[in-house]
Amino acid sequence: MAENEKEETQEIQETQNTAPESEDLEAIKAQLEEERKAKAAVDAALVDKDNRIAELEAKTAEMQSLLDDGLKNMVALEDTNSRLTEKYLEAVRSANPTIPQDVIVGDTIEDIDAALAKAVTIAESVKSSLEAQAKETRVPAGAPTRTEISTEGLSPREKIAAGIQQKGGTS
């Protein structure tokens, strides 16, 4: 039995040497509690993150829907604007029949107005130039006055024919 007692004594000593003391147990418990709190905080942060991601995804979908609607509206407005601009171009051409239609062009109302202004300026310039030219070469109204036929350089026979013709005779 002495050997058994010796072995038991050794086991008790080993257990006592490896067994934590109460201070060590308290420190371990405190550390474990801190780790549990930290894990709970991380879990809460993950839940908050997941909730925020869900909110952002919902807002993103809402914004995408608004963007799609806006793009559809913009395309419709551009189409309407294009049709109205074409009608305006036709109206401007109809209102200005003296100006060649191929001179009045444009993709926007501002372009059409600028082209019209330029065309009107050119038309007025041409008109005033033609009027000035017409004044210089004024032809009197009615038949021109009669003048005697020059007989210079005519043969005697031609002179006689011209004289008879002036008097209303036949040649």
Protein backbone atom coordinates (compact mmCIF):
# COMPACT_ATOMS: atom_id res chain seq x y z
CA MET A 1 0.00 0.00 0.00
CA ALA A 2 2.79 2.29 0.43
CA GLU A 3 3.18 2.36 -3.25
CA ASN A 4 -0.50 3.14 -3.75
CA GLU A 5 -0.37 5.86 -1.21
CA LYS A 6 2.67 7.27 -2.87
CA GLU A 7 0.92 7.33 -6.24
CA GLU A 8 -2.17 8.97 -4.76
CA THR A 9 -0.05 11.59 -3.09
CA GLN A 10 1.69 12.29 -6.38
CA GLU A 11 -1.66 12.58 -8.17
CA ILE A 12 -3.00 14.97 -5.55
CA GLN A 13 0.12 17.07 -5.80
CA GLU A 14 -0.10 17.15 -9.60
CA THR A 15 -3.80 18.09 -9.43
CA GLN A 16 -3.07 20.79 -6.95
CA ASN A 17 -0.18 22.09 -9.06
CA THR A 18 -2.32 22.24 -12.23
CA ALA A 19 -5.58 23.34 -10.64
CA PRO A 20 -6.17 27.06 -11.08
CA GLU A 21 -6.45 29.16 -8.09
CA SER A 22 -9.61 31.10 -7.40
CA GLU A 23 -7.94 34.35 -8.51
CA ASP A 24 -7.04 32.72 -11.81
CA LEU A 25 -10.60 31.46 -12.18
CA GLU A 26 -11.99 34.94 -11.57
CA ALA A 27 -9.61 36.42 -14.19
CA ILE A 28 -10.59 33.73 -16.69
CA LYS A 29 -14.28 34.32 -15.97
CA ALA A 30 -13.82 38.08 -16.44
CA GLN A 31 -11.97 37.52 -19.71
CA LEU A 32 -14.66 35.12 -20.89
CA GLU A 33 -17.35 37.67 -20.03
CA GLU A 34 -15.48 40.38 -21.96
CA GLU A 35 -15.19 38.10 -24.97
CA ARG A 36 -18.92 37.31 -24.77
CA LYS A 37 -19.67 41.05 -24.66
CA ALA A 38 -17.33 41.66 -27.59
CA LYS A 39 -19.01 38.85 -29.56
CA ALA A 40 -22.43 40.28 -28.75
CA ALA A 41 -21.24 43.70 -29.92
CA VAL A 42 -19.88 42.20 -33.16
CA ASP A 43 -23.14 40.29 -33.68
CA ALA A 44 -25.13 43.50 -33.12
CA ALA A 45 -22.86 45.37 -35.53
CA LEU A 46 -23.38 42.63 -38.13
CA VAL A 47 -27.15 42.86 -37.70
CA ASP A 48 -26.98 46.66 -38.04
CA LYS A 49 -24.79 46.27 -41.13
CA ASP A 50 -27.21 43.81 -42.71
CA ASN A 51 -30.14 46.14 -41.95
CA ARG A 52 -28.27 49.10 -43.45
CA ILE A 53 -27.40 47.07 -46.55
CA ALA A 54 -31.05 46.15 -46.97
CA GLU A 55 -32.06 49.82 -46.60
CA LEU A 56 -29.48 50.91 -49.15
CA GLU A 57 -30.51 48.20 -51.61
CA ALA A 58 -34.14 49.34 -51.29
CA LYS A 59 -33.13 52.97 -51.85
CA THR A 60 -30.96 51.96 -54.81
CA ALA A 61 -33.89 50.12 -56.38
CA GLU A 62 -36.13 53.14 -55.77
CA MET A 63 -33.55 55.51 -57.29
CA GLN A 64 -33.10 53.20 -60.28
CA SER A 65 -36.84 53.21 -60.82
CA LEU A 66 -36.92 57.02 -60.64
CA LEU A 67 -33.98 57.21 -63.02
CA ASP A 68 -35.69 54.89 -65.49
CA ASP A 69 -38.88 56.98 -65.31
CA GLY A 70 -36.84 60.15 -65.77
CA LEU A 71 -35.10 58.72 -68.82
CA LYS A 72 -38.44 57.70 -70.33
CA ASN A 73 -39.81 61.19 -69.72
CA MET A 74 -36.69 62.77 -71.20
CA VAL A 75 -36.96 60.67 -74.36
CA ALA A 76 -40.63 61.60 -74.68
CA LEU A 77 -39.79 65.29 -74.21
CA GLU A 78 -37.02 65.12 -76.80
CA ASP A 79 -39.43 63.52 -79.26
CA THR A 80 -42.06 66.19 -78.57
CA ASN A 81 -39.45 68.93 -78.85
CA SER A 82 -38.27 67.52 -82.19
CA ARG A 83 -41.82 67.45 -83.57
CA LEU A 84 -42.53 70.99 -82.35
CA THR A 85 -39.28 72.26 -83.85
CA GLU A 86 -40.22 70.72 -87.21
CA LYS A 87 -43.63 72.42 -87.05
CA TYR A 88 -41.99 75.73 -86.16
CA LEU A 89 -39.60 75.35 -89.11
CA GLU A 90 -42.54 74.74 -91.46
CA ALA A 91 -44.39 77.77 -90.05
CA VAL A 92 -41.36 80.04 -90.46
CA ARG A 93 -40.85 78.87 -94.04
CA SER A 94 -44.55 79.46 -94.81
CA ALA A 95 -44.46 82.92 -93.26
CA ASN A 96 -41.46 83.91 -95.40
CA PRO A 97 -42.24 82.76 -98.96
CA THR A 98 -39.78 85.24 -100.52
CA ILE A 99 -36.84 83.49 -98.88
CA PRO A 100 -35.69 80.16 -100.36
CA GLN A 101 -36.76 77.32 -98.06
CA ASP A 102 -33.40 75.59 -98.12
CA VAL A 103 -31.83 78.67 -96.51
CA ILE A 104 -34.05 78.47 -93.42
CA VAL A 105 -32.73 75.44 -91.54
CA GLY A 106 -31.96 74.37 -87.97
CA ASP A 107 -32.35 71.67 -85.33
CA THR A 108 -33.48 74.04 -82.59
CA ILE A 109 -35.75 77.07 -82.50
CA GLU A 110 -32.71 79.27 -81.83
CA ASP A 111 -30.93 77.84 -84.92
CA ILE A 112 -34.02 78.44 -87.06
CA ASP A 113 -34.38 82.02 -85.80
CA ALA A 114 -30.69 82.70 -86.48
CA ALA A 115 -30.97 81.26 -90.01
CA LEU A 116 -34.09 83.36 -90.65
CA ALA A 117 -32.41 86.53 -89.42
CA LYS A 118 -29.40 85.89 -91.66
CA ALA A 119 -31.64 85.11 -94.66
CA VAL A 120 -33.72 88.27 -94.11
CA THR A 121 -30.54 90.36 -93.90
CA ILE A 122 -29.27 88.86 -97.16
CA ALA A 123 -32.66 89.31 -98.87
CA GLU A 124 -32.84 92.97 -97.81
CA SER A 125 -29.29 93.55 -99.02
CA VAL A 126 -30.06 92.01 -102.41
CA LYS A 127 -33.32 93.96 -102.67
CA SER A 128 -31.66 97.31 -101.94
CA SER A 129 -28.87 96.48 -104.37
CA LEU A 130 -31.39 95.68 -107.13
CA GLU A 131 -33.37 98.85 -106.38
CA ALA A 132 -30.20 100.96 -106.63
CA GLN A 133 -29.30 99.25 -109.87
CA ALA A 134 -32.80 99.83 -111.22
CA LYS A 135 -32.60 103.56 -110.40
CA GLU A 136 -29.37 103.86 -112.36
CA THR A 137 -30.85 102.31 -115.49
CA ARG A 138 -34.20 104.07 -115.42
CA VAL A 139 -36.18 103.71 -118.65
CA PRO A 140 -38.78 106.42 -119.32
CA ALA A 141 -42.38 105.36 -119.58
CA GLY A 142 -43.97 105.22 -123.04
CA ALA A 143 -42.37 105.12 -126.50
CA PRO A 144 -39.04 106.77 -127.04
CA THR A 145 -38.96 110.04 -128.93
CA ARG A 146 -38.32 109.78 -132.65
CA THR A 147 -35.12 111.02 -134.00
CA GLU A 148 -34.00 111.34 -137.55
CA ILE A 149 -32.19 108.48 -139.05
CA SER A 150 -28.58 109.18 -139.64
CA THR A 151 -27.80 108.96 -143.32
CA GLU A 152 -24.15 109.03 -142.81
CA GLY A 153 -22.44 106.16 -144.53
CA LEU A 154 -25.54 105.18 -146.58
CA SER A 155 -25.56 104.75 -150.34
CA PRO A 156 -27.86 107.02 -152.37
CA ARG A 157 -30.34 104.19 -152.87
CA GLU A 158 -30.43 103.49 -149.08
CA LYS A 159 -30.93 107.19 -148.41
CA ILE A 160 -33.93 107.28 -150.77
CA ALA A 161 -35.45 104.14 -149.11
CA ALA A 162 -34.99 105.62 -145.65
CA GLY A 163 -36.65 108.86 -146.71
CA ILE A 164 -39.63 107.08 -148.22
CA GLN A 165 -40.01 104.92 -145.13
CA GLN A 166 -40.05 107.97 -142.85
CA LYS A 167 -42.84 109.52 -144.78
CA GLY A 168 -44.95 106.43 -144.44
CA GLY A 169 -44.43 105.07 -147.90
CA THR A 170 -43.29 101.64 -149.04
CA SER A 171 -39.92 100.74 -150.18
